[in-house]
Amino acid sequence: FGGFVRLKGENAIDLESRYAKGSFGKAPIISRILILCGGVLMNFL
C-alpha cells in the first residue's frame, strides 16, 4: 500500500549525519522547500 522516499540525513539526530554532503539538511533552504512541495505539485498536475 503506497510507498515512501528516504532522503539522506532526513531523520538523523547527530549533526554530522544531518548536514553531511548530499543530505537534505545540507541543501539550501529554497531547495528543501521545492523538495517538500514536489509531491504536492505532482498530485496537482
ModelCIF file with pLDDT and N, C-alpha, C, O atoms, coordinates in Angstrom:
data_MODEL
#
_entry.id   MODEL 
#
_entity.id                         1 
_entity.type                       polymer 
_entity.pdbx_number_of_molecules   1 
#
_entity_poly.entity_id                      1 
_entity_poly.type                           'polypeptide(L)' 
_entity_poly.nstd_linkage                   no 
_entity_poly.nstd_monomer                   no 
_entity_poly.pdbx_seq_one_letter_code       FGGFVRLKGENAIDLESRYAKGSFGKAPIISRILILCGGVLMNFL 
_entity_poly.pdbx_seq_one_letter_code_can   FGGFVRLKGENAIDLESRYAKGSFGKAPIISRILILCGGVLMNFL 
_entity_poly.pdbx_strand_id                 A 
#
loop_
_entity_poly_seq.entity_id 
_entity_poly_seq.num 
_entity_poly_seq.mon_id 
_entity_poly_seq.hetero 
1 1  PHE n 
1 2  GLY n 
1 3  GLY n 
1 4  PHE n 
1 5  VAL n 
1 6  ARG n 
1 7  LEU n 
1 8  LYS n 
1 9  GLY n 
1 10 GLU n 
1 11 ASN n 
1 12 ALA n 
1 13 ILE n 
1 14 ASP n 
1 15 LEU n 
1 16 GLU n 
1 17 SER n 
1 18 ARG n 
1 19 TYR n 
1 20 ALA n 
1 21 LYS n 
1 22 GLY n 
1 23 SER n 
1 24 PHE n 
1 25 GLY n 
1 26 LYS n 
1 27 ALA n 
1 28 PRO n 
1 29 ILE n 
1 30 ILE n 
1 31 SER n 
1 32 ARG n 
1 33 ILE n 
1 34 LEU n 
1 35 ILE n 
1 36 LEU n 
1 37 CYS n 
1 38 GLY n 
1 39 GLY n 
1 40 VAL n 
1 41 LEU n 
1 42 MET n 
1 43 ASN n 
1 44 PHE n 
1 45 LEU n 
#
_struct_asym.id          A 
_struct_asym.entity_id   1 
#
loop_
_ma_qa_metric.id 
_ma_qa_metric.mode 
_ma_qa_metric.name 
_ma_qa_metric.software_group_id 
_ma_qa_metric.type 
1 global pLDDT . pLDDT 
2 local  pLDDT . pLDDT 
#
_ma_qa_metric_global.metric_id      1 
_ma_qa_metric_global.metric_value   88.38 
_ma_qa_metric_global.model_id       1 
_ma_qa_metric_global.ordinal_id     1 
#
loop_
_ma_qa_metric_local.label_asym_id 
_ma_qa_metric_local.label_comp_id 
_ma_qa_metric_local.label_seq_id 
_ma_qa_metric_local.metric_id 
_ma_qa_metric_local.metric_value 
_ma_qa_metric_local.model_id 
_ma_qa_metric_local.ordinal_id 
A PHE 1  2 78.00 1 1  
A GLY 2  2 82.00 1 2  
A GLY 3  2 89.00 1 3  
A PHE 4  2 91.00 1 4  
A VAL 5  2 94.00 1 5  
A ARG 6  2 92.00 1 6  
A LEU 7  2 93.00 1 7  
A LYS 8  2 91.00 1 8  
A GLY 9  2 85.00 1 9  
A GLU 10 2 81.00 1 10 
A ASN 11 2 75.00 1 11 
A ALA 12 2 74.00 1 12 
A ILE 13 2 74.00 1 13 
A ASP 14 2 76.00 1 14 
A LEU 15 2 75.00 1 15 
A GLU 16 2 79.00 1 16 
A SER 17 2 79.00 1 17 
A ARG 18 2 81.00 1 18 
A TYR 19 2 81.00 1 19 
A ALA 20 2 87.00 1 20 
A LYS 21 2 90.00 1 21 
A GLY 22 2 89.00 1 22 
A SER 23 2 90.00 1 23 
A PHE 24 2 90.00 1 24 
A GLY 25 2 86.00 1 25 
A LYS 26 2 89.00 1 26 
A ALA 27 2 92.00 1 27 
A PRO 28 2 92.00 1 28 
A ILE 29 2 91.00 1 29 
A ILE 30 2 94.00 1 30 
A SER 31 2 94.00 1 31 
A ARG 32 2 93.00 1 32 
A ILE 33 2 94.00 1 33 
A LEU 34 2 96.00 1 34 
A ILE 35 2 95.00 1 35 
A LEU 36 2 94.00 1 36 
A CYS 37 2 95.00 1 37 
A GLY 38 2 95.00 1 38 
A GLY 39 2 94.00 1 39 
A VAL 40 2 94.00 1 40 
A LEU 41 2 95.00 1 41 
A MET 42 2 95.00 1 42 
A ASN 43 2 94.00 1 43 
A PHE 44 2 94.00 1 44 
A LEU 45 2 95.00 1 45 
#
loop_
_atom_site.group_PDB 
_atom_site.id 
_atom_site.type_symbol 
_atom_site.label_atom_id 
_atom_site.label_alt_id 
_atom_site.label_comp_id 
_atom_site.label_asym_id 
_atom_site.label_entity_id 
_atom_site.label_seq_id 
_atom_site.pdbx_PDB_ins_code 
_atom_site.Cartn_x 
_atom_site.Cartn_y 
_atom_site.Cartn_z 
_atom_site.occupancy 
_atom_site.B_iso_or_equiv 
_atom_site.pdbx_formal_charge 
_atom_site.auth_seq_id 
_atom_site.auth_comp_id 
_atom_site.auth_asym_id 
_atom_site.auth_atom_id 
_atom_site.pdbx_PDB_model_num 
ATOM 1   N N  . PHE A 1 1  ? 0.854  -1.191 0.000   1.00 78.00 ? 1  PHE A N  1 
ATOM 2   C CA . PHE A 1 1  ? 0.000  0.000  0.000   1.00 78.00 ? 1  PHE A CA 1 
ATOM 3   C C  . PHE A 1 1  ? 0.887  1.238  0.000   1.00 78.00 ? 1  PHE A C  1 
ATOM 4   O O  . PHE A 1 1  ? 1.658  1.452  0.936   1.00 78.00 ? 1  PHE A O  1 
ATOM 5   N N  . GLY A 1 2  ? 0.782  2.052  -1.047  1.00 82.00 ? 2  GLY A N  1 
ATOM 6   C CA . GLY A 1 2  ? 1.532  3.300  -1.102  1.00 82.00 ? 2  GLY A CA 1 
ATOM 7   C C  . GLY A 1 2  ? 3.014  3.101  -1.328  1.00 82.00 ? 2  GLY A C  1 
ATOM 8   O O  . GLY A 1 2  ? 3.428  2.187  -2.040  1.00 82.00 ? 2  GLY A O  1 
ATOM 9   N N  . GLY A 1 3  ? 3.805  3.957  -0.722  1.00 89.00 ? 3  GLY A N  1 
ATOM 10  C CA . GLY A 1 3  ? 5.248  3.907  -0.883  1.00 89.00 ? 3  GLY A CA 1 
ATOM 11  C C  . GLY A 1 3  ? 5.898  5.010  -0.076  1.00 89.00 ? 3  GLY A C  1 
ATOM 12  O O  . GLY A 1 3  ? 5.216  5.741  0.643   1.00 89.00 ? 3  GLY A O  1 
ATOM 13  N N  . PHE A 1 4  ? 7.217  5.138  -0.189  1.00 91.00 ? 4  PHE A N  1 
ATOM 14  C CA . PHE A 1 4  ? 7.929  6.162  0.579   1.00 91.00 ? 4  PHE A CA 1 
ATOM 15  C C  . PHE A 1 4  ? 9.253  6.485  -0.101  1.00 91.00 ? 4  PHE A C  1 
ATOM 16  O O  . PHE A 1 4  ? 9.761  5.717  -0.918  1.00 91.00 ? 4  PHE A O  1 
ATOM 17  N N  . VAL A 1 5  ? 9.802  7.661  0.265   1.00 94.00 ? 5  VAL A N  1 
ATOM 18  C CA . VAL A 1 5  ? 11.127 8.077  -0.177  1.00 94.00 ? 5  VAL A CA 1 
ATOM 19  C C  . VAL A 1 5  ? 11.939 8.418  1.068   1.00 94.00 ? 5  VAL A C  1 
ATOM 20  O O  . VAL A 1 5  ? 11.466 9.145  1.942   1.00 94.00 ? 5  VAL A O  1 
ATOM 21  N N  . ARG A 1 6  ? 13.171 7.888  1.148   1.00 92.00 ? 6  ARG A N  1 
ATOM 22  C CA . ARG A 1 6  ? 14.048 8.184  2.285   1.00 92.00 ? 6  ARG A CA 1 
ATOM 23  C C  . ARG A 1 6  ? 15.227 9.009  1.779   1.00 92.00 ? 6  ARG A C  1 
ATOM 24  O O  . ARG A 1 6  ? 16.052 8.517  1.009   1.00 92.00 ? 6  ARG A O  1 
ATOM 25  N N  . LEU A 1 7  ? 15.302 10.265 2.215   1.00 93.00 ? 7  LEU A N  1 
ATOM 26  C CA . LEU A 1 7  ? 16.366 11.172 1.805   1.00 93.00 ? 7  LEU A CA 1 
ATOM 27  C C  . LEU A 1 7  ? 17.546 11.068 2.774   1.00 93.00 ? 7  LEU A C  1 
ATOM 28  O O  . LEU A 1 7  ? 17.364 10.784 3.958   1.00 93.00 ? 7  LEU A O  1 
ATOM 29  N N  . LYS A 1 8  ? 18.726 11.293 2.272   1.00 91.00 ? 8  LYS A N  1 
ATOM 30  C CA . LYS A 1 8  ? 19.933 11.200 3.101   1.00 91.00 ? 8  LYS A CA 1 
ATOM 31  C C  . LYS A 1 8  ? 19.879 12.230 4.227   1.00 91.00 ? 8  LYS A C  1 
ATOM 32  O O  . LYS A 1 8  ? 19.642 13.415 3.992   1.00 91.00 ? 8  LYS A O  1 
ATOM 33  N N  . GLY A 1 9  ? 20.103 11.756 5.455   1.00 85.00 ? 9  GLY A N  1 
ATOM 34  C CA . GLY A 1 9  ? 20.160 12.634 6.620   1.00 85.00 ? 9  GLY A CA 1 
ATOM 35  C C  . GLY A 1 9  ? 18.837 13.217 7.062   1.00 85.00 ? 9  GLY A C  1 
ATOM 36  O O  . GLY A 1 9  ? 18.794 14.064 7.954   1.00 85.00 ? 9  GLY A O  1 
ATOM 37  N N  . GLU A 1 10 ? 17.757 12.771 6.445   1.00 81.00 ? 10 GLU A N  1 
ATOM 38  C CA . GLU A 1 10 ? 16.444 13.383 6.701   1.00 81.00 ? 10 GLU A CA 1 
ATOM 39  C C  . GLU A 1 10 ? 16.021 13.252 8.159   1.00 81.00 ? 10 GLU A C  1 
ATOM 40  O O  . GLU A 1 10 ? 15.514 14.209 8.744   1.00 81.00 ? 10 GLU A O  1 
ATOM 41  N N  . ASN A 1 11 ? 16.223 12.084 8.748   1.00 75.00 ? 11 ASN A N  1 
ATOM 42  C CA . ASN A 1 11 ? 15.788 11.843 10.125  1.00 75.00 ? 11 ASN A CA 1 
ATOM 43  C C  . ASN A 1 11 ? 16.956 11.671 11.087  1.00 75.00 ? 11 ASN A C  1 
ATOM 44  O O  . ASN A 1 11 ? 16.797 11.146 12.189  1.00 75.00 ? 11 ASN A O  1 
ATOM 45  N N  . ALA A 1 12 ? 18.130 12.120 10.656  1.00 74.00 ? 12 ALA A N  1 
ATOM 46  C CA . ALA A 1 12 ? 19.318 11.975 11.510  1.00 74.00 ? 12 ALA A CA 1 
ATOM 47  C C  . ALA A 1 12 ? 19.260 12.953 12.678  1.00 74.00 ? 12 ALA A C  1 
ATOM 48  O O  . ALA A 1 12 ? 18.788 14.081 12.533  1.00 74.00 ? 12 ALA A O  1 
ATOM 49  N N  . ILE A 1 13 ? 19.744 12.512 13.832  1.00 74.00 ? 13 ILE A N  1 
ATOM 50  C CA . ILE A 1 13 ? 19.766 13.365 15.015  1.00 74.00 ? 13 ILE A CA 1 
ATOM 51  C C  . ILE A 1 13 ? 21.125 14.029 15.174  1.00 74.00 ? 13 ILE A C  1 
ATOM 52  O O  . ILE A 1 13 ? 21.203 15.216 15.491  1.00 74.00 ? 13 ILE A O  1 
ATOM 53  N N  . ASP A 1 14 ? 22.210 13.263 14.955  1.00 76.00 ? 14 ASP A N  1 
ATOM 54  C CA . ASP A 1 14 ? 23.542 13.857 15.099  1.00 76.00 ? 14 ASP A CA 1 
ATOM 55  C C  . ASP A 1 14 ? 23.830 14.819 13.945  1.00 76.00 ? 14 ASP A C  1 
ATOM 56  O O  . ASP A 1 14 ? 23.452 14.565 12.802  1.00 76.00 ? 14 ASP A O  1 
ATOM 57  N N  . LEU A 1 15 ? 24.497 15.913 14.258  1.00 75.00 ? 15 LEU A N  1 
ATOM 58  C CA . LEU A 1 15 ? 24.728 16.984 13.301  1.00 75.00 ? 15 LEU A CA 1 
ATOM 59  C C  . LEU A 1 15 ? 25.568 16.541 12.118  1.00 75.00 ? 15 LEU A C  1 
ATOM 60  O O  . LEU A 1 15 ? 25.358 17.003 10.996  1.00 75.00 ? 15 LEU A O  1 
ATOM 61  N N  . GLU A 1 16 ? 26.520 15.646 12.361  1.00 79.00 ? 16 GLU A N  1 
ATOM 62  C CA . GLU A 1 16 ? 27.404 15.207 11.277  1.00 79.00 ? 16 GLU A CA 1 
ATOM 63  C C  . GLU A 1 16 ? 26.617 14.518 10.171  1.00 79.00 ? 16 GLU A C  1 
ATOM 64  O O  . GLU A 1 16 ? 26.836 14.794 8.991   1.00 79.00 ? 16 GLU A O  1 
ATOM 65  N N  . SER A 1 17 ? 25.704 13.626 10.540  1.00 79.00 ? 17 SER A N  1 
ATOM 66  C CA . SER A 1 17 ? 24.892 12.920 9.542   1.00 79.00 ? 17 SER A CA 1 
ATOM 67  C C  . SER A 1 17 ? 23.835 13.840 8.938   1.00 79.00 ? 17 SER A C  1 
ATOM 68  O O  . SER A 1 17 ? 23.520 13.754 7.751   1.00 79.00 ? 17 SER A O  1 
ATOM 69  N N  . ARG A 1 18 ? 23.295 14.718 9.776   1.00 81.00 ? 18 ARG A N  1 
ATOM 70  C CA . ARG A 1 18 ? 22.223 15.602 9.330   1.00 81.00 ? 18 ARG A CA 1 
ATOM 71  C C  . ARG A 1 18 ? 22.706 16.575 8.252   1.00 81.00 ? 18 ARG A C  1 
ATOM 72  O O  . ARG A 1 18 ? 21.965 16.906 7.326   1.00 81.00 ? 18 ARG A O  1 
ATOM 73  N N  . TYR A 1 19 ? 23.964 17.031 8.383   1.00 81.00 ? 19 TYR A N  1 
ATOM 74  C CA . TYR A 1 19 ? 24.481 18.020 7.440   1.00 81.00 ? 19 TYR A CA 1 
ATOM 75  C C  . TYR A 1 19 ? 25.621 17.483 6.580   1.00 81.00 ? 19 TYR A C  1 
ATOM 76  O O  . TYR A 1 19 ? 26.473 18.240 6.116   1.00 81.00 ? 19 TYR A O  1 
ATOM 77  N N  . ALA A 1 20 ? 25.624 16.164 6.374   1.00 87.00 ? 20 ALA A N  1 
ATOM 78  C CA . ALA A 1 20 ? 26.639 15.555 5.506   1.00 87.00 ? 20 ALA A CA 1 
ATOM 79  C C  . ALA A 1 20 ? 26.417 15.985 4.060   1.00 87.00 ? 20 ALA A C  1 
ATOM 80  O O  . ALA A 1 20 ? 25.323 16.418 3.696   1.00 87.00 ? 20 ALA A O  1 
ATOM 81  N N  . LYS A 1 21 ? 27.438 15.867 3.255   1.00 90.00 ? 21 LYS A N  1 
ATOM 82  C CA . LYS A 1 21 ? 27.339 16.227 1.841   1.00 90.00 ? 21 LYS A CA 1 
ATOM 83  C C  . LYS A 1 21 ? 26.232 15.395 1.162   1.00 90.00 ? 21 LYS A C  1 
ATOM 84  O O  . LYS A 1 21 ? 26.186 14.175 1.324   1.00 90.00 ? 21 LYS A O  1 
ATOM 85  N N  . GLY A 1 22 ? 25.360 16.047 0.417   1.00 89.00 ? 22 GLY A N  1 
ATOM 86  C CA . GLY A 1 22 ? 24.278 15.361 -0.289  1.00 89.00 ? 22 GLY A CA 1 
ATOM 87  C C  . GLY A 1 22 ? 23.055 15.091 0.563   1.00 89.00 ? 22 GLY A C  1 
ATOM 88  O O  . GLY A 1 22 ? 22.110 14.450 0.102   1.00 89.00 ? 22 GLY A O  1 
ATOM 89  N N  . SER A 1 23 ? 23.057 15.576 1.818   1.00 90.00 ? 23 SER A N  1 
ATOM 90  C CA . SER A 1 23 ? 21.920 15.335 2.708   1.00 90.00 ? 23 SER A CA 1 
ATOM 91  C C  . SER A 1 23 ? 20.847 16.406 2.512   1.00 90.00 ? 23 SER A C  1 
ATOM 92  O O  . SER A 1 23 ? 21.091 17.468 1.940   1.00 90.00 ? 23 SER A O  1 
ATOM 93  N N  . PHE A 1 24 ? 19.665 16.091 3.004   1.00 90.00 ? 24 PHE A N  1 
ATOM 94  C CA . PHE A 1 24 ? 18.547 17.025 2.912   1.00 90.00 ? 24 PHE A CA 1 
ATOM 95  C C  . PHE A 1 24 ? 18.850 18.299 3.702   1.00 90.00 ? 24 PHE A C  1 
ATOM 96  O O  . PHE A 1 24 ? 18.562 19.398 3.230   1.00 90.00 ? 24 PHE A O  1 
ATOM 97  N N  . GLY A 1 25 ? 19.428 18.164 4.896   1.00 86.00 ? 25 GLY A N  1 
ATOM 98  C CA . GLY A 1 25 ? 19.717 19.314 5.735   1.00 86.00 ? 25 GLY A CA 1 
ATOM 99  C C  . GLY A 1 25 ? 20.788 20.221 5.163   1.00 86.00 ? 25 GLY A C  1 
ATOM 100 O O  . GLY A 1 25 ? 20.802 21.418 5.452   1.00 86.00 ? 25 GLY A O  1 
ATOM 101 N N  . LYS A 1 26 ? 21.689 19.671 4.354   1.00 89.00 ? 26 LYS A N  1 
ATOM 102 C CA . LYS A 1 26 ? 22.782 20.444 3.763   1.00 89.00 ? 26 LYS A CA 1 
ATOM 103 C C  . LYS A 1 26 ? 22.302 21.281 2.579   1.00 89.00 ? 26 LYS A C  1 
ATOM 104 O O  . LYS A 1 26 ? 22.948 22.264 2.218   1.00 89.00 ? 26 LYS A O  1 
ATOM 105 N N  . ALA A 1 27 ? 21.186 20.906 1.974   1.00 92.00 ? 27 ALA A N  1 
ATOM 106 C CA . ALA A 1 27 ? 20.684 21.612 0.793   1.00 92.00 ? 27 ALA A CA 1 
ATOM 107 C C  . ALA A 1 27 ? 20.227 23.026 1.170   1.00 92.00 ? 27 ALA A C  1 
ATOM 108 O O  . ALA A 1 27 ? 19.785 23.247 2.297   1.00 92.00 ? 27 ALA A O  1 
ATOM 109 N N  . PRO A 1 28 ? 20.327 23.981 0.245   1.00 92.00 ? 28 PRO A N  1 
ATOM 110 C CA . PRO A 1 28 ? 19.825 25.337 0.506   1.00 92.00 ? 28 PRO A CA 1 
ATOM 111 C C  . PRO A 1 28 ? 18.340 25.310 0.853   1.00 92.00 ? 28 PRO A C  1 
ATOM 112 O O  . PRO A 1 28 ? 17.617 24.399 0.450   1.00 92.00 ? 28 PRO A O  1 
ATOM 113 N N  . ILE A 1 29 ? 17.895 26.306 1.598   1.00 91.00 ? 29 ILE A N  1 
ATOM 114 C CA . ILE A 1 29 ? 16.507 26.341 2.065   1.00 91.00 ? 29 ILE A CA 1 
ATOM 115 C C  . ILE A 1 29 ? 15.520 26.290 0.909   1.00 91.00 ? 29 ILE A C  1 
ATOM 116 O O  . ILE A 1 29 ? 14.516 25.582 0.986   1.00 91.00 ? 29 ILE A O  1 
ATOM 117 N N  . ILE A 1 30 ? 15.792 27.035 -0.167  1.00 94.00 ? 30 ILE A N  1 
ATOM 118 C CA . ILE A 1 30 ? 14.860 27.033 -1.304  1.00 94.00 ? 30 ILE A CA 1 
ATOM 119 C C  . ILE A 1 30 ? 14.775 25.643 -1.931  1.00 94.00 ? 30 ILE A C  1 
ATOM 120 O O  . ILE A 1 30 ? 13.712 25.242 -2.404  1.00 94.00 ? 30 ILE A O  1 
ATOM 121 N N  . SER A 1 31 ? 15.889 24.906 -1.936  1.00 94.00 ? 31 SER A N  1 
ATOM 122 C CA . SER A 1 31 ? 15.878 23.535 -2.475  1.00 94.00 ? 31 SER A CA 1 
ATOM 123 C C  . SER A 1 31 ? 15.023 22.621 -1.609  1.00 94.00 ? 31 SER A C  1 
ATOM 124 O O  . SER A 1 31 ? 14.272 21.790 -2.119  1.00 94.00 ? 31 SER A O  1 
ATOM 125 N N  . ARG A 1 32 ? 15.144 22.783 -0.288  1.00 93.00 ? 32 ARG A N  1 
ATOM 126 C CA . ARG A 1 32 ? 14.352 21.945 0.622   1.00 93.00 ? 32 ARG A CA 1 
ATOM 127 C C  . ARG A 1 32 ? 12.855 22.252 0.477   1.00 93.00 ? 32 ARG A C  1 
ATOM 128 O O  . ARG A 1 32 ? 12.018 21.350 0.532   1.00 93.00 ? 32 ARG A O  1 
ATOM 129 N N  . ILE A 1 33 ? 12.535 23.526 0.292   1.00 94.00 ? 33 ILE A N  1 
ATOM 130 C CA . ILE A 1 33 ? 11.132 23.907 0.093   1.00 94.00 ? 33 ILE A CA 1 
ATOM 131 C C  . ILE A 1 33 ? 10.584 23.254 -1.173  1.00 94.00 ? 33 ILE A C  1 
ATOM 132 O O  . ILE A 1 33 ? 9.475  22.719 -1.169  1.00 94.00 ? 33 ILE A O  1 
ATOM 133 N N  . LEU A 1 34 ? 11.359 23.298 -2.256  1.00 96.00 ? 34 LEU A N  1 
ATOM 134 C CA . LEU A 1 34 ? 10.915 22.700 -3.520  1.00 96.00 ? 34 LEU A CA 1 
ATOM 135 C C  . LEU A 1 34 ? 10.776 21.184 -3.397  1.00 96.00 ? 34 LEU A C  1 
ATOM 136 O O  . LEU A 1 34 ? 9.846  20.599 -3.952  1.00 96.00 ? 34 LEU A O  1 
ATOM 137 N N  . ILE A 1 35 ? 11.694 20.549 -2.674  1.00 95.00 ? 35 ILE A N  1 
ATOM 138 C CA . ILE A 1 35 ? 11.622 19.093 -2.485  1.00 95.00 ? 35 ILE A CA 1 
ATOM 139 C C  . ILE A 1 35 ? 10.363 18.724 -1.704  1.00 95.00 ? 35 ILE A C  1 
ATOM 140 O O  . ILE A 1 35 ? 9.659  17.778 -2.057  1.00 95.00 ? 35 ILE A O  1 
ATOM 141 N N  . LEU A 1 36 ? 10.085 19.480 -0.638  1.00 94.00 ? 36 LEU A N  1 
ATOM 142 C CA . LEU A 1 36 ? 8.905  19.195 0.181   1.00 94.00 ? 36 LEU A CA 1 
ATOM 143 C C  . LEU A 1 36 ? 7.609  19.439 -0.590  1.00 94.00 ? 36 LEU A C  1 
ATOM 144 O O  . LEU A 1 36 ? 6.611  18.755 -0.362  1.00 94.00 ? 36 LEU A O  1 
ATOM 145 N N  . CYS A 1 37 ? 7.624  20.417 -1.505  1.00 95.00 ? 37 CYS A N  1 
ATOM 146 C CA . CYS A 1 37 ? 6.427  20.730 -2.293  1.00 95.00 ? 37 CYS A CA 1 
ATOM 147 C C  . CYS A 1 37 ? 6.309  19.861 -3.543  1.00 95.00 ? 37 CYS A C  1 
ATOM 148 O O  . CYS A 1 37 ? 5.291  19.897 -4.233  1.00 95.00 ? 37 CYS A O  1 
ATOM 149 N N  . GLY A 1 38 ? 7.363  19.073 -3.838  1.00 95.00 ? 38 GLY A N  1 
ATOM 150 C CA . GLY A 1 38 ? 7.365  18.264 -5.063  1.00 95.00 ? 38 GLY A CA 1 
ATOM 151 C C  . GLY A 1 38 ? 6.224  17.266 -5.140  1.00 95.00 ? 38 GLY A C  1 
ATOM 152 O O  . GLY A 1 38 ? 5.617  17.089 -6.196  1.00 95.00 ? 38 GLY A O  1 
ATOM 153 N N  . GLY A 1 39 ? 5.930  16.609 -4.015  1.00 94.00 ? 39 GLY A N  1 
ATOM 154 C CA . GLY A 1 39 ? 4.847  15.625 -4.006  1.00 94.00 ? 39 GLY A CA 1 
ATOM 155 C C  . GLY A 1 39 ? 3.493  16.266 -4.235  1.00 94.00 ? 39 GLY A C  1 
ATOM 156 O O  . GLY A 1 39 ? 2.668  15.747 -4.988  1.00 94.00 ? 39 GLY A O  1 
ATOM 157 N N  . VAL A 1 40 ? 3.268  17.403 -3.579  1.00 94.00 ? 40 VAL A N  1 
ATOM 158 C CA . VAL A 1 40 ? 2.010  18.139 -3.740  1.00 94.00 ? 40 VAL A CA 1 
ATOM 159 C C  . VAL A 1 40 ? 1.848  18.582 -5.189  1.00 94.00 ? 40 VAL A C  1 
ATOM 160 O O  . VAL A 1 40 ? 0.765  18.468 -5.764  1.00 94.00 ? 40 VAL A O  1 
ATOM 161 N N  . LEU A 1 41 ? 2.934  19.089 -5.775  1.00 95.00 ? 41 LEU A N  1 
ATOM 162 C CA . LEU A 1 41 ? 2.890  19.545 -7.163  1.00 95.00 ? 41 LEU A CA 1 
ATOM 163 C C  . LEU A 1 41 ? 2.521  18.400 -8.103  1.00 95.00 ? 41 LEU A C  1 
ATOM 164 O O  . LEU A 1 41 ? 1.725  18.591 -9.023  1.00 95.00 ? 41 LEU A O  1 
ATOM 165 N N  . MET A 1 42 ? 3.082  17.225 -7.889  1.00 95.00 ? 42 MET A N  1 
ATOM 166 C CA . MET A 1 42 ? 2.787  16.073 -8.752  1.00 95.00 ? 42 MET A CA 1 
ATOM 167 C C  . MET A 1 42 ? 1.318  15.670 -8.643  1.00 95.00 ? 42 MET A C  1 
ATOM 168 O O  . MET A 1 42 ? 0.696  15.326 -9.648  1.00 95.00 ? 42 MET A O  1 
ATOM 169 N N  . ASN A 1 43 ? 0.759  15.711 -7.436  1.00 94.00 ? 43 ASN A N  1 
ATOM 170 C CA . ASN A 1 43 ? -0.657 15.379 -7.275  1.00 94.00 ? 43 ASN A CA 1 
ATOM 171 C C  . ASN A 1 43 ? -1.552 16.405 -7.946  1.00 94.00 ? 43 ASN A C  1 
ATOM 172 O O  . ASN A 1 43 ? -2.572 16.053 -8.539  1.00 94.00 ? 43 ASN A O  1 
ATOM 173 N N  . PHE A 1 44 ? -1.172 17.678 -7.853  1.00 94.00 ? 44 PHE A N  1 
ATOM 174 C CA . PHE A 1 44 ? -1.922 18.729 -8.548  1.00 94.00 ? 44 PHE A CA 1 
ATOM 175 C C  . PHE A 1 44 ? -1.860 18.523 -10.060 1.00 94.00 ? 44 PHE A C  1 
ATOM 176 O O  . PHE A 1 44 ? -2.876 18.625 -10.746 1.00 94.00 ? 44 PHE A O  1 
ATOM 177 N N  . LEU A 1 45 ? -0.667 18.232 -10.575 1.00 95.00 ? 45 LEU A N  1 
ATOM 178 C CA . LEU A 1 45 ? -0.502 18.037 -12.018 1.00 95.00 ? 45 LEU A CA 1 
ATOM 179 C C  . LEU A 1 45 ? -1.296 16.835 -12.512 1.00 95.00 ? 45 LEU A C  1 
ATOM 180 O O  . LEU A 1 45 ? -1.270 16.525 -13.703 1.00 95.00 ? 45 LEU A O  1 
#
